[in-house]
Amino acid sequence: RMDEKEEEEEDAWLQLRPVEPLPSQCCGSGCSPCVFDLYHRELAMWEAARASNDRSLLSGEESQSCPSKLSPETFLAFRISAMDKLTKDTYRVRFALPGNSRLGLRPGQHLVLRGKVDDLEIQRAYTPISPANAEGYFEVLIKCYETGLMSRYVESWSAGDTTFWRGPFGDFIYKPNQYGELLMLASGTGLAPMVPVLQSITDNAEDETFVTLAGCFKTFEGIYLKTFLQEQARFWNVRTFFVLSQEKSPESLPWSYREKTRFGRLTQDLIQELVGSCRRKPFALVCGSAEFTEDMARCLRCAGLAEDSYFLF
């Protein structure tokens, strides 16, 4: 039988054992490393340390007490410098970066946010909407849902609070002039990954990629970043369209939106029309709910696009 000292020692080791994440802690975006990858790595370190009874093995490489560079494995602290309520349930949040530093993400890549509600840790993926070359800050578009745990956490924020992020993640890396035309299909906050890609195209006089962006929203009021999208649509190579599911009449819209707005849903016929109106062979980017993304992928294949001609965020 273990004597008392051995039992205490055993208890001390068990307290140091990493806790397995709950399914809710995974953001579901296929990040590598995922919270579960990190857990298995920490568990292996713990087992090795315990086997050789050497606690110094637990610190591993994570001992940089103040890493200033983004890392997919370690959460970094960022202070909220401003919160702007765009619609009744969506916020544009600005986070401060030290000095004139840049975040270091490529257009379309995302970060993972860690939140804590009722002692439960949760993680969710968000794509910054600020330009990739923004200095001293980055911005994120966050939609809050009535029953969402992360939403409760976000709605408790105010300027000055500290938040924790890791990254970058994402397999889509945009390179100038890589495609003849980008067809962007976005639903709601699925607009987020399109914004930095679009901005990088219009900011670069050498980039001659055509862009057709179709944004799906419930109402005209609910269209995010209207001013930004109006400005982008003035560029010679950019067209924007809107599909509003809960509006009925063009008369209720401002003149500048009437010609480029459809009502209802983004259907197979409309996708066919958009693909057909592209000025060059399109590469499609799709972002929205899982249902929207699946639906759009099917419509794009029916419209003749091969699987290597679209990317699903």
Protein backbone atom coordinates (compact mmCIF):
# COMPACT_ATOMS: atom_id res chain seq x y z
CA ARG A 1 0.00 0.00 0.00
CA MET A 2 1.06 3.59 -0.69
CA ASP A 3 2.23 5.44 2.36
CA GLU A 4 0.94 8.93 3.10
CA LYS A 5 3.86 10.73 1.44
CA GLU A 6 3.43 8.71 -1.77
CA GLU A 7 -0.31 9.45 -1.77
CA GLU A 8 0.35 13.18 -1.43
CA GLU A 9 2.87 12.97 -4.25
CA GLU A 10 0.35 11.09 -6.41
CA ASP A 11 -2.36 13.70 -5.65
CA ALA A 12 0.03 16.51 -6.53
CA TRP A 13 0.73 14.89 -9.92
CA LEU A 14 -2.98 14.31 -10.57
CA GLN A 15 -3.67 17.99 -9.93
CA LEU A 16 -1.08 18.88 -12.57
CA ARG A 17 -2.67 16.59 -15.17
CA PRO A 18 -4.10 18.66 -18.06
CA VAL A 19 -7.90 18.75 -18.25
CA GLU A 20 -9.46 17.32 -21.41
CA PRO A 21 -11.35 20.05 -23.34
CA LEU A 22 -15.11 19.84 -23.74
CA PRO A 23 -16.50 19.59 -27.29
CA SER A 24 -17.85 23.16 -26.85
CA GLN A 25 -14.28 24.44 -26.51
CA CYS A 26 -13.45 23.49 -30.09
CA CYS A 27 -14.35 26.25 -32.57
CA GLY A 28 -15.06 23.67 -35.29
CA SER A 29 -12.98 25.45 -37.95
CA GLY A 30 -10.41 22.71 -38.44
CA CYS A 31 -7.59 24.78 -36.88
CA SER A 32 -4.23 23.11 -36.52
CA PRO A 33 -3.37 22.80 -33.71
CA CYS A 34 -6.88 22.37 -32.32
CA VAL A 35 -7.58 22.59 -28.55
CA PHE A 36 -7.58 18.78 -28.59
CA ASP A 37 -4.14 18.65 -30.28
CA LEU A 38 -2.79 20.98 -27.58
CA TYR A 39 -4.38 18.81 -24.87
CA HIS A 40 -2.81 15.60 -26.22
CA ARG A 41 0.57 17.32 -26.47
CA GLU A 42 0.31 18.58 -22.86
CA LEU A 43 -0.87 15.15 -21.71
CA ALA A 44 2.16 13.46 -23.32
CA MET A 45 4.44 16.01 -21.60
CA TRP A 46 2.68 15.36 -18.28
CA GLU A 47 3.03 11.58 -18.67
CA ALA A 48 6.74 11.89 -19.52
CA ALA A 49 7.32 14.24 -16.56
CA ARG A 50 5.45 11.94 -14.19
CA ALA A 51 7.28 8.81 -15.42
CA SER A 52 10.64 10.44 -14.69
CA ASN A 53 9.29 12.30 -11.63
CA ASP A 54 10.65 15.59 -13.01
CA ARG A 55 8.29 18.57 -12.90
CA SER A 56 10.64 20.80 -14.85
CA LEU A 57 9.62 18.81 -17.97
CA LEU A 58 6.12 20.27 -17.70
CA SER A 59 7.15 23.78 -18.71
CA GLY A 60 8.19 22.63 -22.19
CA GLU A 61 8.66 25.36 -24.75
CA GLU A 62 5.70 27.36 -23.50
CA SER A 63 7.89 29.12 -20.96
CA GLN A 64 8.23 32.34 -22.99
CA SER A 65 6.51 34.49 -20.42
CA CYS A 66 5.73 37.29 -22.81
CA PRO A 67 5.73 36.23 -26.47
CA SER A 68 4.93 39.28 -28.60
CA LYS A 69 4.35 37.32 -31.82
CA LEU A 70 1.10 35.60 -32.71
CA SER A 71 1.24 31.85 -32.26
CA PRO A 72 -1.27 29.12 -33.20
CA GLU A 73 -0.46 27.40 -29.89
CA THR A 74 -0.27 30.14 -27.29
CA PHE A 75 -2.97 32.69 -26.49
CA LEU A 76 -1.84 36.32 -26.57
CA ALA A 77 -3.55 39.17 -24.75
CA PHE A 78 -5.02 42.08 -26.76
CA ARG A 79 -6.79 45.08 -25.28
CA ILE A 80 -10.15 46.27 -26.69
CA SER A 81 -9.77 49.87 -27.81
CA ALA A 82 -13.30 50.38 -29.24
CA MET A 83 -16.64 48.60 -29.64
CA ASP A 84 -19.07 49.74 -32.29
CA LYS A 85 -22.60 48.29 -32.47
CA LEU A 86 -23.38 47.90 -36.20
CA THR A 87 -26.81 46.25 -35.91
CA LYS A 88 -28.92 45.05 -32.99
CA ASP A 89 -26.78 41.91 -32.65
CA THR A 90 -23.48 42.61 -34.42
CA TYR A 91 -20.40 44.46 -33.21
CA ARG A 92 -17.26 45.74 -34.88
CA VAL A 93 -14.56 45.44 -32.23
CA ARG A 94 -11.13 47.10 -32.45
CA PHE A 95 -8.13 45.64 -30.61
CA ALA A 96 -4.91 47.52 -29.94
CA LEU A 97 -1.52 46.28 -31.18
CA PRO A 98 1.68 47.59 -29.57
CA GLY A 99 3.14 50.67 -31.30
CA ASN A 100 2.79 50.55 -35.09
CA SER A 101 3.02 46.78 -35.25
CA ARG A 102 0.94 44.65 -37.63
CA LEU A 103 -0.99 41.52 -36.75
CA GLY A 104 0.83 39.46 -39.37
CA LEU A 105 -2.17 37.68 -40.92
CA ARG A 106 -2.53 37.19 -44.66
CA PRO A 107 -5.88 38.27 -46.18
CA GLY A 108 -8.59 35.69 -45.39
CA GLN A 109 -6.81 33.99 -42.46
CA HIS A 110 -8.54 33.78 -39.07
CA LEU A 111 -7.82 33.82 -35.34
CA VAL A 112 -9.31 31.87 -32.44
CA LEU A 113 -10.77 33.78 -29.48
CA ARG A 114 -10.88 32.26 -25.99
CA GLY A 115 -13.80 33.13 -23.74
CA LYS A 116 -14.91 32.11 -20.26
CA VAL A 117 -18.54 31.90 -19.14
CA ASP A 118 -19.68 30.23 -15.90
CA ASP A 119 -16.19 28.71 -15.50
CA LEU A 120 -16.56 27.06 -18.90
CA GLU A 121 -13.87 27.80 -21.47
CA ILE A 122 -15.02 28.25 -25.08
CA GLN A 123 -13.15 29.01 -28.30
CA ARG A 124 -14.47 30.46 -31.56
CA ALA A 125 -12.88 31.44 -34.87
CA TYR A 126 -13.15 34.99 -36.28
CA THR A 127 -11.61 36.58 -39.35
CA PRO A 128 -10.25 40.12 -38.90
CA ILE A 129 -11.88 42.60 -41.30
CA SER A 130 -9.08 45.17 -40.99
CA PRO A 131 -6.61 45.47 -43.89
CA ALA A 132 -3.69 43.02 -43.61
CA ASN A 133 -1.32 46.00 -43.44
CA ALA A 134 -3.25 47.87 -40.68
CA GLU A 135 -0.80 49.26 -38.11
CA GLY A 136 -1.45 49.47 -34.37
CA TYR A 137 -4.82 47.68 -34.42
CA PHE A 138 -6.99 44.92 -35.87
CA GLU A 139 -10.80 44.72 -36.14
CA VAL A 140 -13.24 41.84 -35.96
CA LEU A 141 -16.94 41.53 -36.85
CA ILE A 142 -18.82 39.52 -34.19
CA LYS A 143 -22.47 38.49 -34.37
CA CYS A 144 -24.12 37.64 -31.04
CA TYR A 145 -26.79 34.98 -30.70
CA GLU A 146 -29.37 34.87 -27.89
CA THR A 147 -28.35 31.44 -26.66
CA GLY A 148 -24.62 31.63 -27.53
CA LEU A 149 -22.09 31.27 -24.72
CA MET A 150 -19.44 33.24 -26.62
CA SER A 151 -22.12 35.87 -27.33
CA ARG A 152 -22.69 36.30 -23.59
CA TYR A 153 -18.96 36.76 -23.13
CA VAL A 154 -18.69 39.30 -25.98
CA GLU A 155 -21.69 41.29 -24.73
CA SER A 156 -19.95 41.69 -21.37
CA TRP A 157 -16.98 43.47 -23.05
CA SER A 158 -16.19 47.15 -22.90
CA ALA A 159 -13.27 49.26 -24.10
CA GLY A 160 -10.17 48.62 -22.00
CA ASP A 161 -10.91 44.93 -21.39
CA THR A 162 -8.31 42.30 -22.26
CA THR A 163 -9.08 39.39 -24.61
CA PHE A 164 -7.04 36.34 -25.60
CA TRP A 165 -6.38 35.17 -29.18
CA ARG A 166 -4.22 32.61 -30.99
CA GLY A 167 -3.49 32.08 -34.68
CA PRO A 168 -3.14 32.55 -37.57
CA PHE A 169 -5.19 29.73 -39.12
CA GLY A 170 -6.66 29.16 -42.56
CA ASP A 171 -5.70 27.40 -45.76
CA PHE A 172 -6.75 30.12 -48.19
CA ILE A 173 -3.85 32.47 -48.85
CA TYR A 174 -4.57 35.14 -51.45
CA LYS A 175 -1.84 36.04 -53.96
CA PRO A 176 -2.28 39.05 -56.32
CA ASN A 177 -3.34 38.19 -59.90
CA GLN A 178 -3.58 34.50 -59.01
CA TYR A 179 -7.16 34.32 -60.36
CA GLY A 180 -8.84 36.08 -63.28
CA GLU A 181 -11.96 36.80 -61.22
CA LEU A 182 -13.00 36.13 -57.64
CA LEU A 183 -16.68 35.37 -57.11
CA MET A 184 -17.37 36.03 -53.42
CA LEU A 185 -20.54 34.50 -51.95
CA ALA A 186 -21.09 35.65 -48.37
CA SER A 187 -23.95 35.31 -45.95
CA GLY A 188 -24.15 37.61 -42.90
CA THR A 189 -20.84 37.77 -41.01
CA GLY A 190 -19.48 35.43 -43.70
CA LEU A 191 -18.60 38.77 -45.28
CA ALA A 192 -15.62 38.98 -42.88
CA PRO A 193 -12.98 36.92 -44.76
CA MET A 194 -13.94 38.65 -48.05
CA VAL A 195 -13.18 42.13 -46.69
CA PRO A 196 -9.36 41.92 -46.32
CA VAL A 197 -9.04 40.02 -49.62
CA LEU A 198 -11.10 42.66 -51.43
CA GLN A 199 -9.20 45.49 -49.74
CA SER A 200 -5.83 43.98 -50.68
CA ILE A 201 -6.94 43.86 -54.36
CA THR A 202 -8.14 47.47 -54.51
CA ASP A 203 -5.14 48.73 -52.48
CA ASN A 204 -2.74 47.23 -55.02
CA ALA A 205 -2.62 49.08 -58.36
CA GLU A 206 -0.75 46.09 -59.86
CA ASP A 207 -3.54 43.64 -58.97
CA GLU A 208 -6.00 43.40 -61.87
CA THR A 209 -8.24 40.68 -60.45
CA PHE A 210 -11.95 41.21 -61.13
CA VAL A 211 -14.25 40.78 -58.12
CA THR A 212 -17.96 39.97 -58.04
CA LEU A 213 -19.28 39.99 -54.49
CA ALA A 214 -22.78 38.74 -53.62
CA GLY A 215 -23.78 39.46 -50.01
CA CYS A 216 -26.83 37.73 -48.50
CA PHE A 217 -28.59 39.49 -45.64
CA LYS A 218 -32.08 39.44 -44.14
CA THR A 219 -32.83 43.16 -44.55
CA PHE A 220 -31.31 46.29 -46.08
CA GLU A 221 -30.72 47.61 -42.53
CA GLY A 222 -28.81 44.44 -41.75
CA ILE A 223 -26.15 44.86 -44.48
CA TYR A 224 -22.81 45.21 -42.72
CA LEU A 225 -20.12 47.73 -43.72
CA LYS A 226 -22.29 49.54 -46.30
CA THR A 227 -19.91 52.49 -46.65
CA PHE A 228 -16.91 50.22 -47.22
CA LEU A 229 -18.81 48.15 -49.82
CA GLN A 230 -20.06 51.28 -51.63
CA GLU A 231 -16.49 52.61 -51.81
CA GLN A 232 -15.16 49.29 -53.11
CA ALA A 233 -17.86 49.10 -55.81
CA ARG A 234 -16.47 52.32 -57.31
CA PHE A 235 -13.31 50.50 -58.43
CA TRP A 236 -13.23 49.51 -62.10
CA ASN A 237 -12.77 45.81 -61.28
CA VAL A 238 -15.33 45.39 -58.44
CA ARG A 239 -19.09 44.70 -58.59
CA THR A 240 -21.35 44.17 -55.58
CA PHE A 241 -24.77 42.50 -55.44
CA PHE A 242 -27.12 41.95 -52.53
CA VAL A 243 -29.72 39.26 -51.89
CA LEU A 244 -32.22 40.19 -49.16
CA SER A 245 -34.37 37.38 -47.77
CA GLN A 246 -36.87 39.47 -45.76
CA GLU A 247 -37.42 42.46 -48.06
CA LYS A 248 -39.98 42.51 -50.84
CA SER A 249 -39.94 45.77 -52.76
CA PRO A 250 -37.18 47.67 -54.57
CA GLU A 251 -39.08 50.94 -53.80
CA SER A 252 -38.04 50.69 -50.13
CA LEU A 253 -34.34 50.73 -51.07
CA PRO A 254 -32.12 53.75 -51.88
CA TRP A 255 -31.74 54.29 -55.65
CA SER A 256 -28.11 53.17 -55.68
CA TYR A 257 -29.11 49.70 -54.42
CA ARG A 258 -32.17 48.98 -56.55
CA GLU A 259 -30.38 47.67 -59.64
CA LYS A 260 -28.03 45.42 -57.70
CA THR A 261 -30.43 43.87 -55.19
CA ARG A 262 -32.48 40.69 -55.51
CA PHE A 263 -35.07 39.39 -53.07
CA GLY A 264 -35.42 35.93 -51.58
CA ARG A 265 -32.50 33.52 -51.56
CA LEU A 266 -29.32 32.94 -53.53
CA THR A 267 -30.73 30.22 -55.79
CA GLN A 268 -29.20 27.92 -58.39
CA ASP A 269 -30.50 30.21 -61.17
CA LEU A 270 -28.93 33.28 -59.60
CA ILE A 271 -25.58 31.49 -59.10
CA GLN A 272 -25.74 30.40 -62.76
CA GLU A 273 -26.37 34.03 -63.73
CA LEU A 274 -23.51 35.33 -61.54
CA VAL A 275 -21.05 32.74 -62.87
CA GLY A 276 -22.18 33.49 -66.43
CA SER A 277 -21.72 37.23 -65.97
CA CYS A 278 -18.13 36.89 -64.69
CA ARG A 279 -15.74 38.58 -67.07
CA ARG A 280 -13.05 35.92 -66.66
CA LYS A 281 -13.02 32.32 -65.42
CA PRO A 282 -14.06 32.67 -61.77
CA PHE A 283 -12.63 31.20 -58.59
CA ALA A 284 -15.34 31.29 -55.90
CA LEU A 285 -14.93 32.03 -52.19
CA VAL A 286 -17.85 30.98 -49.96
CA CYS A 287 -18.50 31.86 -46.32
CA GLY A 288 -21.63 31.65 -44.16
CA SER A 289 -23.48 29.08 -42.08
CA ALA A 290 -22.68 25.39 -42.66
CA GLU A 291 -26.01 25.05 -44.52
CA PHE A 292 -25.31 28.09 -46.75
CA THR A 293 -21.79 26.86 -47.54
CA GLU A 294 -22.96 23.37 -48.47
CA ASP A 295 -25.76 24.79 -50.59
CA MET A 296 -23.45 27.18 -52.46
CA ALA A 297 -20.87 24.44 -53.14
CA ARG A 298 -23.63 22.33 -54.74
CA CYS A 299 -24.88 25.30 -56.81
CA LEU A 300 -21.35 26.13 -57.99
CA ARG A 301 -20.74 22.54 -59.10
CA CYS A 302 -24.07 22.60 -60.97
CA ALA A 303 -22.96 25.87 -62.60
CA GLY A 304 -19.90 24.06 -63.96
CA LEU A 305 -17.20 24.95 -61.43
CA ALA A 306 -14.82 22.12 -60.53
CA GLU A 307 -13.98 21.43 -56.88
CA ASP A 308 -10.59 23.09 -57.29
CA SER A 309 -12.34 26.28 -58.48
CA TYR A 310 -13.85 27.27 -55.15
CA PHE A 311 -12.81 27.58 -51.51
CA LEU A 312 -15.18 27.14 -48.57
CA PHE A 313 -14.24 29.09 -45.45
